[in-house]
Amino acid sequence: MTGPEPQNETSMRCPTCDVGQLHFQIVTERFPYEDDGKEVMVVAEDVPVDICDNPECREQLSGPEAARIRHMAICRAL
């Protein structure tokens, strides 16, 4: 009997596709944000994410630190 595949901090199996591996990256994100009917472009820098290396998936997962960085970028843009 074999157990689950070993996981380490730098690479985990993608929970979305269960095929690819997640790899940690620091990225810059650009996205539109609407406030009171006006759309502004937001730039969030140094966002920590885990990205799936499966070309058919490319899921991007993030946690509370990424949410905080995005929120602060929205505040600055407004």
C-alpha atoms as a PDB file:
ATOM      1  CA  MET A   1       0.000   0.000   0.000  1.00  0.00           C
ATOM      2  CA  THR A   2       1.298   3.434  -0.887  1.00  0.00           C
ATOM      3  CA  GLY A   3       0.387   6.663   0.818  1.00  0.00           C
ATOM      4  CA  PRO A   4      -0.187  10.078  -0.659  1.00  0.00           C
ATOM      5  CA  GLU A   5       2.542  11.604  -2.745  1.00  0.00           C
ATOM      6  CA  PRO A   6       4.964  13.602  -0.552  1.00  0.00           C
ATOM      7  CA  GLN A   7       4.428  17.354  -0.663  1.00  0.00           C
ATOM      8  CA  ASN A   8       6.969  20.052   0.080  1.00  0.00           C
ATOM      9  CA  GLU A   9       6.819  23.806   0.632  1.00  0.00           C
ATOM     10  CA  THR A  10       7.990  24.719  -2.863  1.00  0.00           C
ATOM     11  CA  SER A  11       5.742  22.441  -4.891  1.00  0.00           C
ATOM     12  CA  MET A  12       2.302  21.002  -4.147  1.00  0.00           C
ATOM     13  CA  ARG A  13      -0.161  19.251  -6.423  1.00  0.00           C
ATOM     14  CA  CYS A  14      -2.803  21.627  -7.832  1.00  0.00           C
ATOM     15  CA  PRO A  15      -6.157  21.120  -6.076  1.00  0.00           C
ATOM     16  CA  THR A  16      -8.024  22.303  -9.180  1.00  0.00           C
ATOM     17  CA  CYS A  17      -6.695  19.929 -11.845  1.00  0.00           C
ATOM     18  CA  ASP A  18      -4.926  17.370  -9.612  1.00  0.00           C
ATOM     19  CA  VAL A  19      -2.291  17.067 -12.365  1.00  0.00           C
ATOM     20  CA  GLY A  20       0.023  20.064 -12.224  1.00  0.00           C
ATOM     21  CA  GLN A  21       2.258  21.322  -9.450  1.00  0.00           C
ATOM     22  CA  LEU A  22       1.857  24.684  -7.724  1.00  0.00           C
ATOM     23  CA  HIS A  23       4.851  27.011  -7.802  1.00  0.00           C
ATOM     24  CA  PHE A  24       5.207  30.109  -5.631  1.00  0.00           C
ATOM     25  CA  GLN A  25       5.680  33.403  -7.471  1.00  0.00           C
ATOM     26  CA  ILE A  26       5.573  37.105  -6.696  1.00  0.00           C
ATOM     27  CA  VAL A  27       3.579  38.872  -9.423  1.00  0.00           C
ATOM     28  CA  THR A  28       2.250  42.258 -10.450  1.00  0.00           C
ATOM     29  CA  GLU A  29      -1.489  42.258 -11.137  1.00  0.00           C
ATOM     30  CA  ARG A  30      -3.459  44.785 -13.171  1.00  0.00           C
ATOM     31  CA  PHE A  31      -7.246  44.733 -12.974  1.00  0.00           C
ATOM     32  CA  PRO A  32     -10.206  47.084 -13.398  1.00  0.00           C
ATOM     33  CA  TYR A  33     -12.181  48.113 -10.316  1.00  0.00           C
ATOM     34  CA  GLU A  34     -15.516  49.907 -10.387  1.00  0.00           C
ATOM     35  CA  ASP A  35     -16.519  52.416  -7.727  1.00  0.00           C
ATOM     36  CA  ASP A  36     -19.687  54.547  -7.964  1.00  0.00           C
ATOM     37  CA  GLY A  37     -20.026  53.774 -11.670  1.00  0.00           C
ATOM     38  CA  LYS A  38     -16.463  54.847 -12.439  1.00  0.00           C
ATOM     39  CA  GLU A  39     -13.888  52.261 -13.480  1.00  0.00           C
ATOM     40  CA  VAL A  40     -10.243  52.652 -12.477  1.00  0.00           C
ATOM     41  CA  MET A  41      -7.288  50.469 -13.377  1.00  0.00           C
ATOM     42  CA  VAL A  42      -5.570  49.031 -10.301  1.00  0.00           C
ATOM     43  CA  VAL A  43      -1.952  47.869 -10.179  1.00  0.00           C
ATOM     44  CA  ALA A  44      -1.055  45.575  -7.279  1.00  0.00           C
ATOM     45  CA  GLU A  45       2.673  44.870  -6.992  1.00  0.00           C
ATOM     46  CA  ASP A  46       4.471  42.067  -5.132  1.00  0.00           C
ATOM     47  CA  VAL A  47       1.411  39.811  -4.851  1.00  0.00           C
ATOM     48  CA  PRO A  48       2.339  36.331  -3.520  1.00  0.00           C
ATOM     49  CA  VAL A  49       0.586  33.545  -5.465  1.00  0.00           C
ATOM     50  CA  ASP A  50       0.879  29.849  -6.247  1.00  0.00           C
ATOM     51  CA  ILE A  51       0.475  29.057  -9.964  1.00  0.00           C
ATOM     52  CA  CYS A  52      -0.240  25.633 -11.484  1.00  0.00           C
ATOM     53  CA  ASP A  53       2.308  24.535 -14.084  1.00  0.00           C
ATOM     54  CA  ASN A  54      -0.245  22.468 -16.045  1.00  0.00           C
ATOM     55  CA  PRO A  55      -0.745  24.439 -19.312  1.00  0.00           C
ATOM     56  CA  GLU A  56      -4.372  23.287 -19.461  1.00  0.00           C
ATOM     57  CA  CYS A  57      -5.078  24.629 -15.966  1.00  0.00           C
ATOM     58  CA  ARG A  58      -2.772  27.536 -14.970  1.00  0.00           C
ATOM     59  CA  GLU A  59      -4.886  28.066 -11.816  1.00  0.00           C
ATOM     60  CA  GLN A  60      -3.623  30.872  -9.596  1.00  0.00           C
ATOM     61  CA  LEU A  61      -4.197  30.537  -5.846  1.00  0.00           C
ATOM     62  CA  SER A  62      -3.584  33.190  -3.221  1.00  0.00           C
ATOM     63  CA  GLY A  63      -4.203  33.827   0.449  1.00  0.00           C
ATOM     64  CA  PRO A  64      -4.847  36.625   2.914  1.00  0.00           C
ATOM     65  CA  GLU A  65      -1.560  38.459   2.286  1.00  0.00           C
ATOM     66  CA  ALA A  66      -2.385  38.732  -1.432  1.00  0.00           C
ATOM     67  CA  ALA A  67      -5.887  39.984  -0.542  1.00  0.00           C
ATOM     68  CA  ARG A  68      -4.374  42.658   1.729  1.00  0.00           C
ATOM     69  CA  ILE A  69      -2.005  43.816  -1.032  1.00  0.00           C
ATOM     70  CA  ARG A  70      -4.863  43.985  -3.580  1.00  0.00           C
ATOM     71  CA  HIS A  71      -7.045  45.918  -1.110  1.00  0.00           C
ATOM     72  CA  MET A  72      -4.299  48.465  -0.471  1.00  0.00           C
ATOM     73  CA  ALA A  73      -3.754  48.858  -4.237  1.00  0.00           C
ATOM     74  CA  ILE A  74      -7.480  49.547  -4.685  1.00  0.00           C
ATOM     75  CA  CYS A  75      -7.363  52.146  -1.911  1.00  0.00           C
ATOM     76  CA  ARG A  76      -4.406  53.885  -3.573  1.00  0.00           C
ATOM     77  CA  ALA A  77      -6.117  53.844  -6.990  1.00  0.00           C
ATOM     78  CA  LEU A  78      -9.264  55.445  -5.595  1.00  0.00           C
END
